[in-house]
C-alpha cells in the first residue's frame, strides 16, 4: 500500500475512534465545555536498511477535554489499540476493548494525572476536575472540533 493510501486508511480508522469517544463523553459526562481533537500523529517506522517495522507505524490521536478556558486535560488513543484493519472489508473497525469501561478508565487516569501535575502542559485545578462527573445528563452543549490532519510525531 502506498503512503497516500495508507494515510487515508489511518484517517478512516482515527475518524471512527474520534466519533465514538466524542459521542460517549458528551452523552455521559457533565460540564465538558469543549473537546478538541489534535489530528493524527504518525511515527513512520520504515527503515531504508531494514524495511518496514514488524509492528507497523505508530498512529495516535489526542483529545483535549476542556471544563473552562485554560482548564483541560489530554486523552490519547492509539489506532492499534482501539481499531484493527479488516482485510475483508478493506477498512478499520473498532475493537471490542474500546468500550465505556475503557474510556472511563482513560478519562479518570488522565484527569487525575493532570490534577496531580503529572501531565506536562495540561492544566486542570482540583475544583474544575470535580465538576467533570459521570451523569446521564451529559454535556449536550459541548463544542466539538474534529481533526484528521496528519502530522509526524517528533520526540
C-alpha atoms as a PDB file:
ATOM      1  CA  UNK A   1       0.000   0.000   0.000  1.00  0.00           C
ATOM      2  CA  UNK A   2       1.499   3.363  -0.945  1.00  0.00           C
ATOM      3  CA  UNK A   3       1.863   6.186   1.603  1.00  0.00           C
ATOM      4  CA  UNK A   4      -1.216   8.159   0.446  1.00  0.00           C
ATOM      5  CA  UNK A   5      -3.472   5.077   0.610  1.00  0.00           C
ATOM      6  CA  UNK A   6      -2.009   4.133   3.982  1.00  0.00           C
ATOM      7  CA  UNK A   7      -2.634   7.613   5.382  1.00  0.00           C
ATOM      8  CA  UNK A   8      -6.192   7.569   4.036  1.00  0.00           C
ATOM      9  CA  UNK A   9      -6.837   4.272   5.834  1.00  0.00           C
ATOM     10  CA  UNK A  10      -5.345   5.745   9.044  1.00  0.00           C
ATOM     11  CA  UNK A  11      -7.706   8.716   8.723  1.00  0.00           C
ATOM     12  CA  UNK A  12     -10.694   6.391   8.324  1.00  0.00           C
ATOM     13  CA  UNK A  13      -9.705   4.424  11.452  1.00  0.00           C
ATOM     14  CA  UNK A  14      -8.985   7.512  13.559  1.00  0.00           C
ATOM     15  CA  UNK A  15     -12.275   9.092  12.469  1.00  0.00           C
ATOM     16  CA  UNK A  16     -14.112   6.071  13.926  1.00  0.00           C
ATOM     17  CA  UNK A  17     -12.273   6.496  17.228  1.00  0.00           C
ATOM     18  CA  UNK A  18     -12.845  10.256  17.403  1.00  0.00           C
ATOM     19  CA  UNK A  19     -16.577   9.960  16.733  1.00  0.00           C
ATOM     20  CA  UNK A  20     -17.104   7.043  19.122  1.00  0.00           C
ATOM     21  CA  UNK A  21     -15.157   8.616  22.008  1.00  0.00           C
ATOM     22  CA  UNK A  22     -16.743  12.055  21.492  1.00  0.00           C
ATOM     23  CA  UNK A  23     -20.261  10.628  21.459  1.00  0.00           C
ATOM     24  CA  UNK A  24     -19.580   8.664  24.636  1.00  0.00           C
ATOM     25  CA  UNK A  25     -18.031  11.592  26.538  1.00  0.00           C
ATOM     26  CA  UNK A  26     -20.718  14.100  25.526  1.00  0.00           C
ATOM     27  CA  UNK A  27     -23.536  11.705  26.428  1.00  0.00           C
ATOM     28  CA  UNK A  28     -22.058  10.549  29.747  1.00  0.00           C
ATOM     29  CA  UNK A  29     -20.071  13.374  31.404  1.00  0.00           C
ATOM     30  CA  UNK A  30     -21.308  16.693  32.781  1.00  0.00           C
ATOM     31  CA  UNK A  31     -19.569  20.043  32.386  1.00  0.00           C
ATOM     32  CA  UNK A  32     -17.427  19.290  29.342  1.00  0.00           C
ATOM     33  CA  UNK A  33     -17.294  22.608  27.523  1.00  0.00           C
ATOM     34  CA  UNK A  34     -15.167  21.567  24.582  1.00  0.00           C
ATOM     35  CA  UNK A  35     -13.455  18.534  23.051  1.00  0.00           C
ATOM     36  CA  UNK A  36     -10.715  19.458  20.636  1.00  0.00           C
ATOM     37  CA  UNK A  37      -9.119  16.667  18.581  1.00  0.00           C
ATOM     38  CA  UNK A  38      -5.494  17.376  17.708  1.00  0.00           C
ATOM     39  CA  UNK A  39      -5.249  15.461  14.425  1.00  0.00           C
ATOM     40  CA  UNK A  40      -3.354  12.284  13.663  1.00  0.00           C
ATOM     41  CA  UNK A  41       0.197  11.768  14.821  1.00  0.00           C
ATOM     42  CA  UNK A  42       2.216   9.220  12.895  1.00  0.00           C
ATOM     43  CA  UNK A  43       5.662   7.829  13.550  1.00  0.00           C
ATOM     44  CA  UNK A  44       6.664   6.217  10.267  1.00  0.00           C
ATOM     45  CA  UNK A  45       8.714   3.154  11.102  1.00  0.00           C
ATOM     46  CA  UNK A  46      10.153   2.306   7.718  1.00  0.00           C
ATOM     47  CA  UNK A  47      13.902   1.845   7.690  1.00  0.00           C
ATOM     48  CA  UNK A  48      15.770   2.230   4.391  1.00  0.00           C
ATOM     49  CA  UNK A  49      18.024  -0.624   5.543  1.00  0.00           C
ATOM     50  CA  UNK A  50      15.643  -2.985   7.353  1.00  0.00           C
ATOM     51  CA  UNK A  51      12.343  -2.138   5.632  1.00  0.00           C
ATOM     52  CA  UNK A  52       9.019  -1.757   7.432  1.00  0.00           C
ATOM     53  CA  UNK A  53       8.744  -2.441  11.148  1.00  0.00           C
ATOM     54  CA  UNK A  54       7.230  -5.713  12.249  1.00  0.00           C
ATOM     55  CA  UNK A  55       4.851  -3.635  14.388  1.00  0.00           C
ATOM     56  CA  UNK A  56       3.930  -1.124  11.669  1.00  0.00           C
ATOM     57  CA  UNK A  57       3.684   2.634  12.063  1.00  0.00           C
ATOM     58  CA  UNK A  58       2.723   4.216  15.373  1.00  0.00           C
ATOM     59  CA  UNK A  59      -0.541   6.162  14.876  1.00  0.00           C
ATOM     60  CA  UNK A  60      -2.404   8.106  17.564  1.00  0.00           C
ATOM     61  CA  UNK A  61      -4.876  10.915  18.132  1.00  0.00           C
ATOM     62  CA  UNK A  62      -5.169  13.254  21.115  1.00  0.00           C
ATOM     63  CA  UNK A  63      -8.306  14.862  22.514  1.00  0.00           C
ATOM     64  CA  UNK A  64      -8.111  17.929  24.738  1.00  0.00           C
ATOM     65  CA  UNK A  65     -11.103  17.910  27.095  1.00  0.00           C
ATOM     66  CA  UNK A  66     -11.954  21.380  28.474  1.00  0.00           C
ATOM     67  CA  UNK A  67     -14.006  22.330  31.532  1.00  0.00           C
ATOM     68  CA  UNK A  68     -13.255  26.022  31.045  1.00  0.00           C
ATOM     69  CA  UNK A  69     -10.713  28.134  29.217  1.00  0.00           C
ATOM     70  CA  UNK A  70      -7.304  27.080  30.487  1.00  0.00           C
ATOM     71  CA  UNK A  71      -8.623  24.036  32.354  1.00  0.00           C
ATOM     72  CA  UNK A  72      -8.154  20.925  30.250  1.00  0.00           C
ATOM     73  CA  UNK A  73      -6.537  17.516  30.118  1.00  0.00           C
ATOM     74  CA  UNK A  74      -5.491  15.346  27.198  1.00  0.00           C
ATOM     75  CA  UNK A  75      -6.566  11.819  26.347  1.00  0.00           C
ATOM     76  CA  UNK A  76      -4.520   9.802  23.814  1.00  0.00           C
ATOM     77  CA  UNK A  77      -5.895   6.972  21.699  1.00  0.00           C
ATOM     78  CA  UNK A  78      -3.717   4.679  19.582  1.00  0.00           C
ATOM     79  CA  UNK A  79      -5.034   3.274  16.338  1.00  0.00           C
ATOM     80  CA  UNK A  80      -3.555  -0.179  17.019  1.00  0.00           C
ATOM     81  CA  UNK A  81      -5.248  -0.360  20.459  1.00  0.00           C
ATOM     82  CA  UNK A  82      -8.724   0.897  19.538  1.00  0.00           C
ATOM     83  CA  UNK A  83      -9.193  -0.344  15.962  1.00  0.00           C
ATOM     84  CA  UNK A  84      -7.964  -3.064  13.663  1.00  0.00           C
ATOM     85  CA  UNK A  85      -7.735  -3.295   9.919  1.00  0.00           C
ATOM     86  CA  UNK A  86     -10.275  -5.739   8.477  1.00  0.00           C
ATOM     87  CA  UNK A  87      -8.790  -7.126   5.257  1.00  0.00           C
ATOM     88  CA  UNK A  88     -12.152  -8.427   4.031  1.00  0.00           C
ATOM     89  CA  UNK A  89     -13.846  -5.032   4.439  1.00  0.00           C
ATOM     90  CA  UNK A  90     -10.646  -3.156   3.479  1.00  0.00           C
ATOM     91  CA  UNK A  91     -11.122  -0.667   6.315  1.00  0.00           C
ATOM     92  CA  UNK A  92     -10.582  -0.208  10.029  1.00  0.00           C
ATOM     93  CA  UNK A  93     -13.207  -1.383  12.509  1.00  0.00           C
ATOM     94  CA  UNK A  94     -13.392  -0.657  16.232  1.00  0.00           C
ATOM     95  CA  UNK A  95     -12.281  -3.428  18.563  1.00  0.00           C
ATOM     96  CA  UNK A  96     -14.421  -4.634  21.459  1.00  0.00           C
ATOM     97  CA  UNK A  97     -11.954  -3.269  24.005  1.00  0.00           C
ATOM     98  CA  UNK A  98     -12.897   0.304  23.009  1.00  0.00           C
ATOM     99  CA  UNK A  99     -15.920   0.449  25.278  1.00  0.00           C
ATOM    100  CA  UNK A 100     -17.397   2.541  28.079  1.00  0.00           C
ATOM    101  CA  UNK A 101     -15.228   0.979  30.810  1.00  0.00           C
ATOM    102  CA  UNK A 102     -12.037   1.599  28.816  1.00  0.00           C
ATOM    103  CA  UNK A 103     -12.950   5.208  28.039  1.00  0.00           C
ATOM    104  CA  UNK A 104     -13.918   5.844  31.683  1.00  0.00           C
ATOM    105  CA  UNK A 105     -10.574   4.395  32.811  1.00  0.00           C
ATOM    106  CA  UNK A 106      -8.571   6.591  30.392  1.00  0.00           C
ATOM    107  CA  UNK A 107     -10.690   9.629  31.313  1.00  0.00           C
ATOM    108  CA  UNK A 108     -10.137   9.213  35.050  1.00  0.00           C
ATOM    109  CA  UNK A 109      -6.441   8.317  34.759  1.00  0.00           C
ATOM    110  CA  UNK A 110      -5.575  11.303  32.565  1.00  0.00           C
ATOM    111  CA  UNK A 111      -7.719  13.690  34.627  1.00  0.00           C
ATOM    112  CA  UNK A 112      -6.045  12.541  37.862  1.00  0.00           C
ATOM    113  CA  UNK A 113      -2.568  12.744  36.318  1.00  0.00           C
ATOM    114  CA  UNK A 114      -3.249  16.308  35.202  1.00  0.00           C
ATOM    115  CA  UNK A 115      -4.649  17.459  38.555  1.00  0.00           C
ATOM    116  CA  UNK A 116      -1.637  15.954  40.364  1.00  0.00           C
ATOM    117  CA  UNK A 117       0.766  17.696  37.982  1.00  0.00           C
ATOM    118  CA  UNK A 118       1.954  14.542  36.222  1.00  0.00           C
ATOM    119  CA  UNK A 119       0.880  15.588  32.704  1.00  0.00           C
ATOM    120  CA  UNK A 120       3.269  18.074  31.141  1.00  0.00           C
ATOM    121  CA  UNK A 121       1.493  21.015  29.518  1.00  0.00           C
ATOM    122  CA  UNK A 122      -2.037  20.148  30.655  1.00  0.00           C
ATOM    123  CA  UNK A 123      -3.706  22.341  33.274  1.00  0.00           C
ATOM    124  CA  UNK A 124      -6.625  21.431  35.490  1.00  0.00           C
ATOM    125  CA  UNK A 125      -7.296  22.636  39.005  1.00  0.00           C
ATOM    126  CA  UNK A 126      -8.946  20.309  41.505  1.00  0.00           C
ATOM    127  CA  UNK A 127     -12.169  22.344  41.670  1.00  0.00           C
ATOM    128  CA  UNK A 128     -12.619  22.183  37.881  1.00  0.00           C
ATOM    129  CA  UNK A 129     -11.834  18.468  37.858  1.00  0.00           C
ATOM    130  CA  UNK A 130     -14.563  17.824  40.421  1.00  0.00           C
ATOM    131  CA  UNK A 131     -17.130  19.316  38.025  1.00  0.00           C
ATOM    132  CA  UNK A 132     -16.448  16.562  35.495  1.00  0.00           C
ATOM    133  CA  UNK A 133     -18.655  13.785  36.758  1.00  0.00           C
ATOM    134  CA  UNK A 134     -20.336  10.910  35.062  1.00  0.00           C
ATOM    135  CA  UNK A 135     -24.024  11.614  34.540  1.00  0.00           C
ATOM    136  CA  UNK A 136     -26.803  10.656  32.152  1.00  0.00           C
ATOM    137  CA  UNK A 137     -27.341  14.417  31.761  1.00  0.00           C
ATOM    138  CA  UNK A 138     -24.164  14.653  29.681  1.00  0.00           C
ATOM    139  CA  UNK A 139     -22.747  17.787  28.059  1.00  0.00           C
ATOM    140  CA  UNK A 140     -25.019  18.361  25.096  1.00  0.00           C
ATOM    141  CA  UNK A 141     -23.787  21.925  24.526  1.00  0.00           C
ATOM    142  CA  UNK A 142     -20.091  20.992  24.337  1.00  0.00           C
ATOM    143  CA  UNK A 143     -18.243  22.412  21.359  1.00  0.00           C
ATOM    144  CA  UNK A 144     -16.544  19.682  19.302  1.00  0.00           C
ATOM    145  CA  UNK A 145     -13.606  20.162  16.949  1.00  0.00           C
ATOM    146  CA  UNK A 146     -12.575  17.146  14.882  1.00  0.00           C
ATOM    147  CA  UNK A 147      -9.284  16.932  13.011  1.00  0.00           C
ATOM    148  CA  UNK A 148      -7.928  14.290  10.668  1.00  0.00           C
ATOM    149  CA  UNK A 149      -4.903  16.358   9.676  1.00  0.00           C
ATOM    150  CA  UNK A 150      -1.766  14.216   9.629  1.00  0.00           C
ATOM    151  CA  UNK A 151       1.473  15.281  11.288  1.00  0.00           C
ATOM    152  CA  UNK A 152       4.680  13.409  12.009  1.00  0.00           C
ATOM    153  CA  UNK A 153       5.378  12.792  15.660  1.00  0.00           C
ATOM    154  CA  UNK A 154       8.592  14.350  16.944  1.00  0.00           C
ATOM    155  CA  UNK A 155      10.192  13.350  20.200  1.00  0.00           C
END
